[in-house]
Amino acid sequence: VLCACVVANEMSYLVAPTHMVPRALSLNVPKTQASFLPSILSITDLIGRLLSGLASKIPGCTRAVQYAVFCMLWSASSLALVLGVTYPQMAALAGVYGLFNG
């Protein structure tokens, strides 16, 4: 199961960041705001990495459990990215995606 998660993650790793800006532009979001979406994703990705480092200190939270939980949350947030149709929604979903990606 863990191997299948790794394969699925690696196959879809760049899909959301690559298509986020063109999708925002197609929804008539201004260029400056659309170009800031990957920055939001990157900032929250860094925060997510720090939080996952802290989560590894929790007793009983092995790396496999931590990876499985973040994998499920990241996949759910990846699927939710298409629900954003306004800039605030897209920014919030990019933040959640980045947080769980870290």
C-alpha atoms as a PDB file:
ATOM      1  CA  VAL A   1       0.000   0.000   0.000  1.00  0.00           C
ATOM      2  CA  LEU A   2       2.809   2.389   0.893  1.00  0.00           C
ATOM      3  CA  CYS A   3       4.553   1.656  -2.415  1.00  0.00           C
ATOM      4  CA  ALA A   4       1.340   2.423  -4.325  1.00  0.00           C
ATOM      5  CA  CYS A   5       1.071   5.741  -2.470  1.00  0.00           C
ATOM      6  CA  VAL A   6       4.615   6.650  -3.414  1.00  0.00           C
ATOM      7  CA  VAL A   7       3.976   5.857  -7.082  1.00  0.00           C
ATOM      8  CA  ALA A   8       0.718   7.835  -7.120  1.00  0.00           C
ATOM      9  CA  ASN A   9       2.384  10.805  -5.424  1.00  0.00           C
ATOM     10  CA  GLU A  10       5.318  10.901  -7.787  1.00  0.00           C
ATOM     11  CA  MET A  11       3.063  10.662 -10.831  1.00  0.00           C
ATOM     12  CA  SER A  12       0.919  13.611  -9.742  1.00  0.00           C
ATOM     13  CA  TYR A  13       3.507  15.731  -7.928  1.00  0.00           C
ATOM     14  CA  LEU A  14       3.719  18.579 -10.466  1.00  0.00           C
ATOM     15  CA  VAL A  15       0.161  18.528 -11.796  1.00  0.00           C
ATOM     16  CA  ALA A  16      -1.374  21.085  -9.425  1.00  0.00           C
ATOM     17  CA  PRO A  17       1.464  23.649  -9.415  1.00  0.00           C
ATOM     18  CA  THR A  18       1.837  23.438 -13.192  1.00  0.00           C
ATOM     19  CA  HIS A  19      -1.815  24.013 -13.994  1.00  0.00           C
ATOM     20  CA  MET A  20      -2.744  26.349 -11.139  1.00  0.00           C
ATOM     21  CA  VAL A  21      -1.826  29.630 -12.857  1.00  0.00           C
ATOM     22  CA  PRO A  22      -3.350  28.823 -16.279  1.00  0.00           C
ATOM     23  CA  ARG A  23      -6.556  27.714 -14.562  1.00  0.00           C
ATOM     24  CA  ALA A  24      -6.713  30.918 -12.548  1.00  0.00           C
ATOM     25  CA  LEU A  25      -6.197  32.975 -15.697  1.00  0.00           C
ATOM     26  CA  SER A  26      -8.952  31.040 -17.459  1.00  0.00           C
ATOM     27  CA  LEU A  27     -11.267  31.966 -14.566  1.00  0.00           C
ATOM     28  CA  ASN A  28     -10.489  35.665 -15.163  1.00  0.00           C
ATOM     29  CA  VAL A  29      -8.260  36.096 -12.099  1.00  0.00           C
ATOM     30  CA  PRO A  30      -5.832  39.020 -12.665  1.00  0.00           C
ATOM     31  CA  LYS A  31      -2.301  38.004 -13.715  1.00  0.00           C
ATOM     32  CA  THR A  32      -0.669  39.381 -10.572  1.00  0.00           C
ATOM     33  CA  GLN A  33      -2.943  37.395  -8.290  1.00  0.00           C
ATOM     34  CA  ALA A  34      -2.712  34.249 -10.415  1.00  0.00           C
ATOM     35  CA  SER A  35       1.088  34.396 -10.376  1.00  0.00           C
ATOM     36  CA  PHE A  36       1.059  34.649  -6.566  1.00  0.00           C
ATOM     37  CA  LEU A  37      -0.707  31.280  -6.149  1.00  0.00           C
ATOM     38  CA  PRO A  38       2.514  29.200  -6.515  1.00  0.00           C
ATOM     39  CA  SER A  39       4.122  31.460  -3.898  1.00  0.00           C
ATOM     40  CA  ILE A  40       1.319  30.681  -1.469  1.00  0.00           C
ATOM     41  CA  LEU A  41       1.804  26.992  -2.198  1.00  0.00           C
ATOM     42  CA  SER A  42       5.571  27.233  -1.622  1.00  0.00           C
ATOM     43  CA  ILE A  43       5.281  29.159   1.646  1.00  0.00           C
ATOM     44  CA  THR A  44       2.767  26.721   3.098  1.00  0.00           C
ATOM     45  CA  ASP A  45       4.862  23.815   1.797  1.00  0.00           C
ATOM     46  CA  LEU A  46       7.742  25.074   3.934  1.00  0.00           C
ATOM     47  CA  ILE A  47       5.436  25.375   6.950  1.00  0.00           C
ATOM     48  CA  GLY A  48       4.156  21.851   6.279  1.00  0.00           C
ATOM     49  CA  ARG A  49       7.697  20.498   6.239  1.00  0.00           C
ATOM     50  CA  LEU A  50       8.402  22.095   9.595  1.00  0.00           C
ATOM     51  CA  LEU A  51       5.165  20.710  11.040  1.00  0.00           C
ATOM     52  CA  SER A  52       5.888  17.226   9.738  1.00  0.00           C
ATOM     53  CA  GLY A  53       9.262  17.402  11.448  1.00  0.00           C
ATOM     54  CA  LEU A  54       7.512  18.269  14.697  1.00  0.00           C
ATOM     55  CA  ALA A  55       4.957  15.495  14.157  1.00  0.00           C
ATOM     56  CA  SER A  56       7.760  12.947  13.992  1.00  0.00           C
ATOM     57  CA  LYS A  57       8.547  13.728  17.636  1.00  0.00           C
ATOM     58  CA  ILE A  58       5.130  12.468  18.751  1.00  0.00           C
ATOM     59  CA  PRO A  59       5.430   9.039  20.401  1.00  0.00           C
ATOM     60  CA  GLY A  60       3.925   6.312  18.215  1.00  0.00           C
ATOM     61  CA  CYS A  61       3.893   8.487  15.107  1.00  0.00           C
ATOM     62  CA  THR A  62       6.207   6.507  12.879  1.00  0.00           C
ATOM     63  CA  ARG A  63       7.331   7.765   9.498  1.00  0.00           C
ATOM     64  CA  ALA A  64       5.052   5.282   7.753  1.00  0.00           C
ATOM     65  CA  VAL A  65       1.998   6.470   9.678  1.00  0.00           C
ATOM     66  CA  GLN A  66       2.938  10.089   9.150  1.00  0.00           C
ATOM     67  CA  TYR A  67       3.473   9.520   5.418  1.00  0.00           C
ATOM     68  CA  ALA A  68       0.172   7.681   5.030  1.00  0.00           C
ATOM     69  CA  VAL A  69      -1.783  10.420   6.824  1.00  0.00           C
ATOM     70  CA  PHE A  70      -0.146  13.241   4.875  1.00  0.00           C
ATOM     71  CA  CYS A  71      -0.618  11.251   1.656  1.00  0.00           C
ATOM     72  CA  MET A  72      -4.350  10.988   2.216  1.00  0.00           C
ATOM     73  CA  LEU A  73      -4.683  14.645   3.209  1.00  0.00           C
ATOM     74  CA  TRP A  74      -2.534  15.764   0.279  1.00  0.00           C
ATOM     75  CA  SER A  75      -4.588  13.673  -2.152  1.00  0.00           C
ATOM     76  CA  ALA A  76      -7.840  15.082  -0.787  1.00  0.00           C
ATOM     77  CA  SER A  77      -6.534  18.642  -1.081  1.00  0.00           C
ATOM     78  CA  SER A  78      -5.320  17.912  -4.596  1.00  0.00           C
ATOM     79  CA  LEU A  79      -8.805  16.814  -5.575  1.00  0.00           C
ATOM     80  CA  ALA A  80     -10.297  19.867  -3.870  1.00  0.00           C
ATOM     81  CA  LEU A  81      -8.169  22.276  -5.913  1.00  0.00           C
ATOM     82  CA  VAL A  82     -10.663  22.142  -8.776  1.00  0.00           C
ATOM     83  CA  LEU A  83     -13.412  23.445  -6.479  1.00  0.00           C
ATOM     84  CA  GLY A  84     -11.850  26.896  -6.253  1.00  0.00           C
ATOM     85  CA  VAL A  85     -13.436  29.285  -8.738  1.00  0.00           C
ATOM     86  CA  THR A  86     -12.525  32.639  -7.150  1.00  0.00           C
ATOM     87  CA  TYR A  87      -9.112  33.913  -6.112  1.00  0.00           C
ATOM     88  CA  PRO A  88      -9.713  33.645  -2.325  1.00  0.00           C
ATOM     89  CA  GLN A  89     -10.914  30.056  -2.733  1.00  0.00           C
ATOM     90  CA  MET A  90      -7.971  29.168  -4.965  1.00  0.00           C
ATOM     91  CA  ALA A  91      -5.524  30.821  -2.545  1.00  0.00           C
ATOM     92  CA  ALA A  92      -6.957  28.924   0.427  1.00  0.00           C
ATOM     93  CA  LEU A  93      -6.889  25.613  -1.428  1.00  0.00           C
ATOM     94  CA  ALA A  94      -3.321  26.264  -2.634  1.00  0.00           C
ATOM     95  CA  GLY A  95      -2.349  26.905   0.980  1.00  0.00           C
ATOM     96  CA  VAL A  96      -3.929  23.685   2.202  1.00  0.00           C
ATOM     97  CA  TYR A  97      -2.360  21.752  -0.684  1.00  0.00           C
ATOM     98  CA  GLY A  98       1.064  23.175   0.138  1.00  0.00           C
ATOM     99  CA  LEU A  99       0.661  22.481   3.851  1.00  0.00           C
ATOM    100  CA  PHE A 100      -0.071  18.807   3.291  1.00  0.00           C
ATOM    101  CA  ASN A 101       2.475  18.524   0.498  1.00  0.00           C
ATOM    102  CA  GLY A 102       5.205  19.441   2.968  1.00  0.00           C
END
